[in-house]
């Protein structure tokens, strides 16, 4: 399990925003602080999964000192987000109704997920509830 620093930002009339200095472009948000933390964990997992799928190297976690050395990061509140880094994904072929696939793609895109990442998380949630 790896732990990465996330920065939580909040403006007066906004939701809580979350960013990851070690993963530029990996962002999330939540209406409440708890929701922002939960969504941050999901966003990080999806982002890393996409990097693994693309064969990109996963960075080592930066220290708090390294993150805060960047003046732009000092406006955020640092939290640690734990994530598992899986080493390999396997390509599969599935069959879905066309309208369902369209709905999956729309939802995934609107929430910052890849199609694969969204389907993996949806499947995990169903299995956890079983």
Protein backbone atom coordinates (compact mmCIF):
# COMPACT_ATOMS: atom_id res chain seq x y z
CA UNK A 1 0.00 0.00 0.00
CA UNK A 2 1.32 3.43 -0.95
CA UNK A 3 0.35 6.74 0.66
CA UNK A 4 0.29 9.91 -1.44
CA UNK A 5 -0.23 13.48 -0.32
CA UNK A 6 -3.42 15.14 -1.52
CA UNK A 7 -4.13 18.84 -1.10
CA UNK A 8 -7.62 19.99 -0.18
CA UNK A 9 -8.66 23.47 -1.28
CA UNK A 10 -11.86 25.34 -0.48
CA UNK A 11 -13.00 28.74 -1.65
CA UNK A 12 -15.89 30.49 0.09
CA UNK A 13 -18.58 29.56 -2.45
CA UNK A 14 -17.23 26.24 -3.72
CA UNK A 15 -17.04 22.55 -2.97
CA UNK A 16 -13.88 21.05 -1.53
CA UNK A 17 -11.34 20.51 -4.31
CA UNK A 18 -8.60 17.88 -4.14
CA UNK A 19 -5.37 17.64 -6.12
CA UNK A 20 -2.34 15.37 -6.03
CA UNK A 21 1.07 17.03 -6.48
CA UNK A 22 2.63 13.69 -7.50
CA UNK A 23 -0.03 13.21 -10.21
CA UNK A 24 -0.65 16.40 -12.21
CA UNK A 25 -4.15 16.28 -13.67
CA UNK A 26 -5.51 13.94 -10.99
CA UNK A 27 -8.19 16.01 -9.29
CA UNK A 28 -11.44 15.43 -7.47
CA UNK A 29 -14.01 17.26 -5.38
CA UNK A 30 -16.74 16.79 -2.85
CA UNK A 31 -19.55 18.78 -1.29
CA UNK A 32 -18.39 17.78 2.21
CA UNK A 33 -14.91 17.17 3.52
CA UNK A 34 -15.66 13.47 3.99
CA UNK A 35 -16.97 13.19 0.44
CA UNK A 36 -13.89 14.98 -0.88
CA UNK A 37 -11.63 12.48 0.93
CA UNK A 38 -13.59 9.51 -0.43
CA UNK A 39 -13.61 10.89 -3.95
CA UNK A 40 -9.87 11.62 -3.70
CA UNK A 41 -9.16 7.97 -2.97
CA UNK A 42 -11.27 6.90 -5.96
CA UNK A 43 -9.68 9.46 -8.26
CA UNK A 44 -6.18 8.39 -7.27
CA UNK A 45 -6.98 4.71 -7.79
CA UNK A 46 -8.45 5.39 -11.25
CA UNK A 47 -5.55 7.64 -12.22
CA UNK A 48 -2.93 5.09 -11.21
CA UNK A 49 -4.88 2.32 -12.92
CA UNK A 50 -4.84 4.33 -16.15
CA UNK A 51 -1.11 4.93 -15.84
CA UNK A 52 -0.49 1.20 -15.33
CA UNK A 53 -2.67 0.39 -18.35
CA UNK A 54 -0.67 2.88 -20.42
CA UNK A 55 2.64 1.46 -19.21
CA UNK A 56 3.62 4.68 -17.42
CA UNK A 57 5.89 4.66 -14.38
CA UNK A 58 4.19 5.34 -11.05
CA UNK A 59 6.10 7.98 -9.06
CA UNK A 60 7.33 7.38 -5.54
CA UNK A 61 5.34 9.39 -2.99
CA UNK A 62 6.79 12.82 -2.28
CA UNK A 63 7.46 13.89 1.30
CA UNK A 64 5.44 16.66 2.92
CA UNK A 65 8.54 18.84 2.82
CA UNK A 66 8.91 18.31 -0.94
CA UNK A 67 5.24 19.10 -1.57
CA UNK A 68 5.21 22.22 0.60
CA UNK A 69 8.44 23.52 -0.96
CA UNK A 70 6.25 24.52 -3.92
CA UNK A 71 4.63 27.82 -2.89
CA UNK A 72 1.50 27.03 -4.93
CA UNK A 73 0.79 24.06 -2.63
CA UNK A 74 0.80 26.07 0.58
CA UNK A 75 -2.83 27.16 0.21
CA UNK A 76 -4.00 23.56 0.50
CA UNK A 77 -4.44 21.32 3.50
CA UNK A 78 -2.37 18.15 3.14
CA UNK A 79 -3.91 14.73 3.76
CA UNK A 80 -2.59 11.24 3.08
CA UNK A 81 -4.49 9.01 0.67
CA UNK A 82 -3.72 5.28 0.67
CA UNK A 83 -3.90 3.27 -2.53
CA UNK A 84 -2.93 -0.14 -3.81
CA UNK A 85 -0.80 -0.21 -6.91
CA UNK A 86 -1.57 -3.19 -9.05
CA UNK A 87 1.15 -4.28 -11.38
CA UNK A 88 -0.75 -5.53 -14.40
CA UNK A 89 -4.14 -5.27 -16.01
CA UNK A 90 -5.59 -7.69 -18.52
CA UNK A 91 -7.56 -6.68 -21.59
CA UNK A 92 -10.96 -8.39 -21.88
CA UNK A 93 -13.71 -8.35 -24.46
CA UNK A 94 -17.26 -7.90 -23.16
CA UNK A 95 -20.62 -7.45 -24.83
CA UNK A 96 -23.00 -4.70 -23.72
CA UNK A 97 -26.16 -3.19 -25.13
CA UNK A 98 -25.24 -0.08 -27.13
CA UNK A 99 -27.35 2.26 -25.00
CA UNK A 100 -25.79 0.91 -21.79
CA UNK A 101 -22.30 1.45 -23.17
CA UNK A 102 -23.24 5.03 -24.10
CA UNK A 103 -24.52 5.60 -20.55
CA UNK A 104 -21.35 4.11 -19.04
CA UNK A 105 -19.15 6.31 -21.23
CA UNK A 106 -21.14 9.46 -20.42
CA UNK A 107 -21.02 8.78 -16.69
CA UNK A 108 -17.33 7.89 -16.71
CA UNK A 109 -16.38 10.99 -18.69
CA UNK A 110 -18.53 13.29 -16.55
CA UNK A 111 -16.86 11.99 -13.40
CA UNK A 112 -13.27 11.90 -14.67
CA UNK A 113 -12.99 8.14 -15.08
CA UNK A 114 -11.88 5.93 -17.90
CA UNK A 115 -14.41 3.39 -19.12
CA UNK A 116 -12.29 0.54 -17.75
CA UNK A 117 -11.67 2.27 -14.44
CA UNK A 118 -15.35 2.96 -13.94
CA UNK A 119 -16.37 -0.63 -14.77
CA UNK A 120 -13.73 -2.03 -12.40
CA UNK A 121 -14.91 0.16 -9.52
CA UNK A 122 -18.58 -0.62 -10.23
CA UNK A 123 -17.85 -4.35 -10.24
CA UNK A 124 -15.88 -4.10 -6.97
CA UNK A 125 -18.71 -2.25 -5.26
CA UNK A 126 -21.24 -4.88 -6.28
CA UNK A 127 -18.97 -7.68 -5.08
CA UNK A 128 -18.30 -5.93 -1.74
CA UNK A 129 -22.05 -5.72 -1.12
CA UNK A 130 -22.62 -9.40 -1.93
